[in-house]
N, C-alpha and C. Protein backbone atom coordinates (compact mmCIF):
# COMPACT_ATOMS: atom_id res chain seq x y z
N MET A 1 101.56 111.12 93.90
CA MET A 1 102.18 111.36 92.19
C MET A 1 103.07 112.11 92.14
N LEU A 2 104.20 111.56 91.39
CA LEU A 2 105.40 112.31 91.17
C LEU A 2 105.10 113.74 89.89
N LEU A 3 105.53 114.58 90.50
CA LEU A 3 105.60 115.86 89.24
C LEU A 3 107.11 116.07 88.81
N GLY A 4 107.02 116.52 87.42
CA GLY A 4 108.25 116.69 86.98
C GLY A 4 109.23 117.59 87.42
N GLU A 5 108.67 118.61 88.03
CA GLU A 5 109.25 119.52 88.82
C GLU A 5 110.13 118.59 90.27
N GLU A 6 109.41 118.27 90.85
CA GLU A 6 110.03 117.22 91.95
C GLU A 6 110.71 116.12 91.47
N ARG A 7 110.68 115.69 90.29
CA ARG A 7 111.86 114.73 89.65
C ARG A 7 113.46 115.80 89.78
N GLN A 8 113.19 117.07 89.61
CA GLN A 8 114.44 117.65 89.67
C GLN A 8 114.93 118.26 90.84
N ARG A 9 114.45 118.05 92.06
CA ARG A 9 114.91 118.43 92.74
C ARG A 9 116.07 118.00 93.30
N PRO A 10 117.33 118.57 93.99
CA PRO A 10 118.18 118.05 94.35
C PRO A 10 118.21 117.24 95.32
N LEU A 11 119.22 116.32 95.47
CA LEU A 11 119.11 115.23 96.01
C LEU A 11 120.25 115.28 97.41
N PRO A 12 120.21 114.87 98.61
CA PRO A 12 121.17 115.11 99.34
C PRO A 12 122.52 114.93 99.08
N ASN A 13 122.69 114.17 97.80
CA ASN A 13 124.29 114.47 97.34
C ASN A 13 124.50 115.10 96.11
N GLY A 14 123.62 115.95 95.60
CA GLY A 14 123.40 116.90 94.45
C GLY A 14 122.99 116.13 93.46
N ALA A 15 122.67 114.56 93.82
CA ALA A 15 122.56 113.93 92.32
C ALA A 15 121.01 113.86 91.90
N ARG A 16 120.53 113.93 90.75
CA ARG A 16 118.97 113.78 90.44
C ARG A 16 118.64 112.42 89.85
N LEU A 17 117.17 112.27 89.75
CA LEU A 17 116.79 111.21 89.58
C LEU A 17 116.16 111.32 88.28
N THR A 18 116.79 109.83 86.96
CA THR A 18 116.32 110.22 85.96
C THR A 18 114.80 109.82 86.34
N ASN A 19 113.88 110.05 85.14
CA ASN A 19 112.10 110.08 85.10
C ASN A 19 111.76 108.49 85.41
N ARG A 20 112.57 107.54 84.93
CA ARG A 20 112.32 106.19 85.68
C ARG A 20 112.72 105.73 86.56
N GLU A 21 113.78 106.34 86.97
CA GLU A 21 114.30 106.19 88.70
C GLU A 21 112.99 107.00 89.52
N ALA A 22 112.36 107.92 88.94
CA ALA A 22 111.38 108.51 90.04
C ALA A 22 110.06 107.69 89.99
N GLU A 23 109.86 107.21 88.49
CA GLU A 23 108.92 105.90 88.57
C GLU A 23 109.00 105.10 89.46
N VAL A 24 110.27 104.68 89.53
CA VAL A 24 110.40 103.06 90.34
C VAL A 24 110.32 103.48 91.80
N LEU A 25 110.83 105.08 92.29
CA LEU A 25 110.59 105.58 93.49
C LEU A 25 109.11 105.50 94.27
N GLN A 26 108.19 105.88 93.15
CA GLN A 26 106.96 106.01 93.38
C GLN A 26 106.51 104.64 93.62
N TRP A 27 106.78 103.66 92.96
CA TRP A 27 106.43 102.23 93.30
C TRP A 27 106.96 101.45 94.22
N LEU A 28 108.36 102.05 95.00
CA LEU A 28 108.97 101.69 96.18
C LEU A 28 108.10 102.01 97.35
N ALA A 29 107.86 103.36 97.40
CA ALA A 29 107.21 103.76 98.35
C ALA A 29 105.66 103.30 98.29
N ALA A 30 105.31 102.68 97.41
CA ALA A 30 103.56 102.39 97.80
C ALA A 30 104.13 100.38 98.20
N GLY A 31 105.10 100.59 98.51
CA GLY A 31 105.25 98.75 98.86
C GLY A 31 105.20 97.85 97.88
N THR A 32 105.46 98.19 96.62
CA THR A 32 105.72 97.39 95.28
C THR A 32 107.02 96.64 95.55
N SER A 33 106.62 95.22 95.03
CA SER A 33 108.16 94.20 94.90
C SER A 33 108.64 94.71 93.80
N ASN A 34 109.98 94.39 93.75
CA ASN A 34 110.67 94.36 92.04
C ASN A 34 109.88 93.95 91.02
N PRO A 35 109.55 92.27 91.16
CA PRO A 35 108.53 91.87 90.24
C PRO A 35 107.68 92.51 89.68
N GLU A 36 106.91 92.73 90.85
CA GLU A 36 105.27 93.75 90.22
C GLU A 36 105.61 95.12 89.56
N ILE A 37 107.00 95.59 90.13
CA ILE A 37 107.03 97.01 89.61
C ILE A 37 107.26 96.74 88.04
N ALA A 38 108.33 95.61 87.99
CA ALA A 38 108.45 94.91 86.59
C ALA A 38 107.22 94.84 85.30
N ALA A 39 106.58 94.29 86.37
CA ALA A 39 105.37 93.68 85.40
C ALA A 39 104.55 95.15 85.15
N ILE A 40 104.20 96.17 86.07
CA ILE A 40 103.71 97.15 85.51
C ILE A 40 103.99 97.95 84.90
N LEU A 41 105.37 98.41 84.80
CA LEU A 41 106.36 99.38 84.01
C LEU A 41 106.77 98.58 82.37
N GLY A 42 106.32 97.26 82.51
CA GLY A 42 106.83 96.33 81.36
C GLY A 42 108.38 96.32 81.03
N ILE A 43 109.20 96.14 82.27
CA ILE A 43 110.77 96.12 81.68
C ILE A 43 110.82 94.98 82.76
N ALA A 44 112.49 94.39 82.59
CA ALA A 44 112.69 93.27 83.19
C ALA A 44 113.08 93.34 84.93
N ALA A 45 113.11 92.51 85.64
CA ALA A 45 113.15 92.47 87.15
C ALA A 45 114.50 92.96 87.42
N GLY A 46 115.44 92.49 86.12
CA GLY A 46 116.70 92.71 86.81
C GLY A 46 117.04 94.43 86.19
N THR A 47 116.29 94.75 85.76
CA THR A 47 116.45 96.49 85.34
C THR A 47 115.63 97.38 86.31
N VAL A 48 114.72 96.86 86.90
CA VAL A 48 114.11 97.16 88.18
C VAL A 48 115.28 97.25 89.08
N LYS A 49 115.73 96.29 89.54
CA LYS A 49 116.90 96.07 90.42
C LYS A 49 118.20 97.00 90.50
N ARG A 50 118.20 97.19 89.00
CA ARG A 50 119.47 98.42 88.70
C ARG A 50 118.54 99.59 89.24
N HIS A 51 117.58 99.93 88.89
CA HIS A 51 117.19 101.08 89.21
C HIS A 51 116.66 101.31 90.30
N VAL A 52 116.49 100.44 91.29
CA VAL A 52 116.36 100.37 92.85
C VAL A 52 117.66 100.71 93.41
N GLU A 53 119.01 100.00 92.89
CA GLU A 53 120.25 99.95 93.31
C GLU A 53 120.75 101.85 92.94
N ASN A 54 120.43 102.26 92.05
CA ASN A 54 120.54 103.63 91.79
C ASN A 54 119.78 104.54 92.41
N VAL A 55 118.75 104.49 92.42
CA VAL A 55 117.80 105.54 93.48
C VAL A 55 118.33 104.98 95.11
N LEU A 56 119.14 103.96 95.21
CA LEU A 56 119.27 104.03 96.71
C LEU A 56 120.57 104.87 97.08
N ALA A 57 121.35 104.44 95.96
CA ALA A 57 123.13 105.46 95.87
C ALA A 57 122.58 106.63 95.81
N LYS A 58 121.57 107.48 94.82
CA LYS A 58 121.54 108.75 94.85
C LYS A 58 120.93 109.35 95.93
N LEU A 59 119.79 108.66 96.45
CA LEU A 59 119.21 109.30 98.04
C LEU A 59 120.32 109.32 99.28
N GLY A 60 121.70 108.07 99.06
CA GLY A 60 122.19 108.22 100.06
C GLY A 60 121.51 107.18 101.42
N VAL A 61 120.86 106.24 101.17
CA VAL A 61 120.38 105.31 101.94
C VAL A 61 120.42 103.66 101.53
N GLN A 62 120.53 103.11 102.46
CA GLN A 62 120.52 101.49 102.21
C GLN A 62 119.60 100.76 101.85
N ASN A 63 118.30 101.10 102.03
CA ASN A 63 117.06 100.34 101.70
C ASN A 63 115.83 100.99 101.22
N ARG A 64 114.83 100.19 101.12
CA ARG A 64 113.86 100.84 100.63
C ARG A 64 112.99 101.46 101.55
N THR A 65 113.06 101.24 103.07
CA THR A 65 112.33 101.77 103.79
C THR A 65 113.00 103.50 104.11
N ALA A 66 114.28 103.30 104.16
CA ALA A 66 114.80 104.55 104.33
C ALA A 66 114.62 105.58 103.39
N ALA A 67 114.51 104.68 101.90
CA ALA A 67 114.35 105.83 100.42
C ALA A 67 112.89 106.01 100.46
N THR A 68 111.75 105.34 101.26
CA THR A 68 110.57 105.70 101.03
C THR A 68 110.41 106.95 102.18
N ALA A 69 111.38 107.07 103.39
CA ALA A 69 110.75 108.37 104.48
C ALA A 69 111.53 109.48 103.78
N LEU A 70 112.91 108.98 103.26
CA LEU A 70 113.68 110.52 102.60
C LEU A 70 112.59 110.83 101.51
N ALA A 71 112.26 109.95 100.46
CA ALA A 71 111.02 110.72 99.66
C ALA A 71 110.09 111.06 100.25
N ARG A 72 109.54 111.12 101.25
CA ARG A 72 108.31 111.82 101.89
C ARG A 72 108.89 112.88 102.27
N GLU A 73 109.50 112.67 102.90
CA GLU A 73 110.02 114.11 103.79
C GLU A 73 110.74 115.06 102.65
N ARG A 74 111.10 114.73 101.59
CA ARG A 74 111.53 115.68 100.57
C ARG A 74 110.33 115.79 99.59
N GLY A 75 109.11 115.71 99.90
CA GLY A 75 108.33 115.56 98.71
C GLY A 75 108.21 114.85 97.50
N LEU A 76 109.09 114.07 97.58
CA LEU A 76 109.43 113.30 95.67
C LEU A 76 108.19 112.30 95.80
N VAL A 77 107.49 111.89 96.87
CA VAL A 77 106.34 111.17 96.82
C VAL A 77 105.30 111.73 97.56
N GLY A 78 103.99 110.88 97.55
CA GLY A 78 103.19 111.49 98.46
C GLY A 78 103.36 110.61 99.60
N GLY A 79 102.75 110.96 100.64
CA GLY A 79 102.99 110.51 101.98
C GLY A 79 101.34 109.75 102.76
N LYS A 80 101.53 108.92 103.64
CA LYS A 80 100.37 108.36 103.96
C LYS A 80 99.89 109.26 105.52
């Protein structure tokens, strides 16, 4: 689970995730698809896609797997 303090940790490029981006990252790390995330959060799939794009850019990675690995390494999401 993400904690407020963890959401505020600086990312590799000094950017910070918004609360919604942090939520999306949590679901990404759980292996949840964009349509599933949209249903869970009650938002449009296109909005989830944009949040995912923002998360990837802020983390400085190119895909969901790399985002998950970096987020776990930095303690932004729980590890398995």
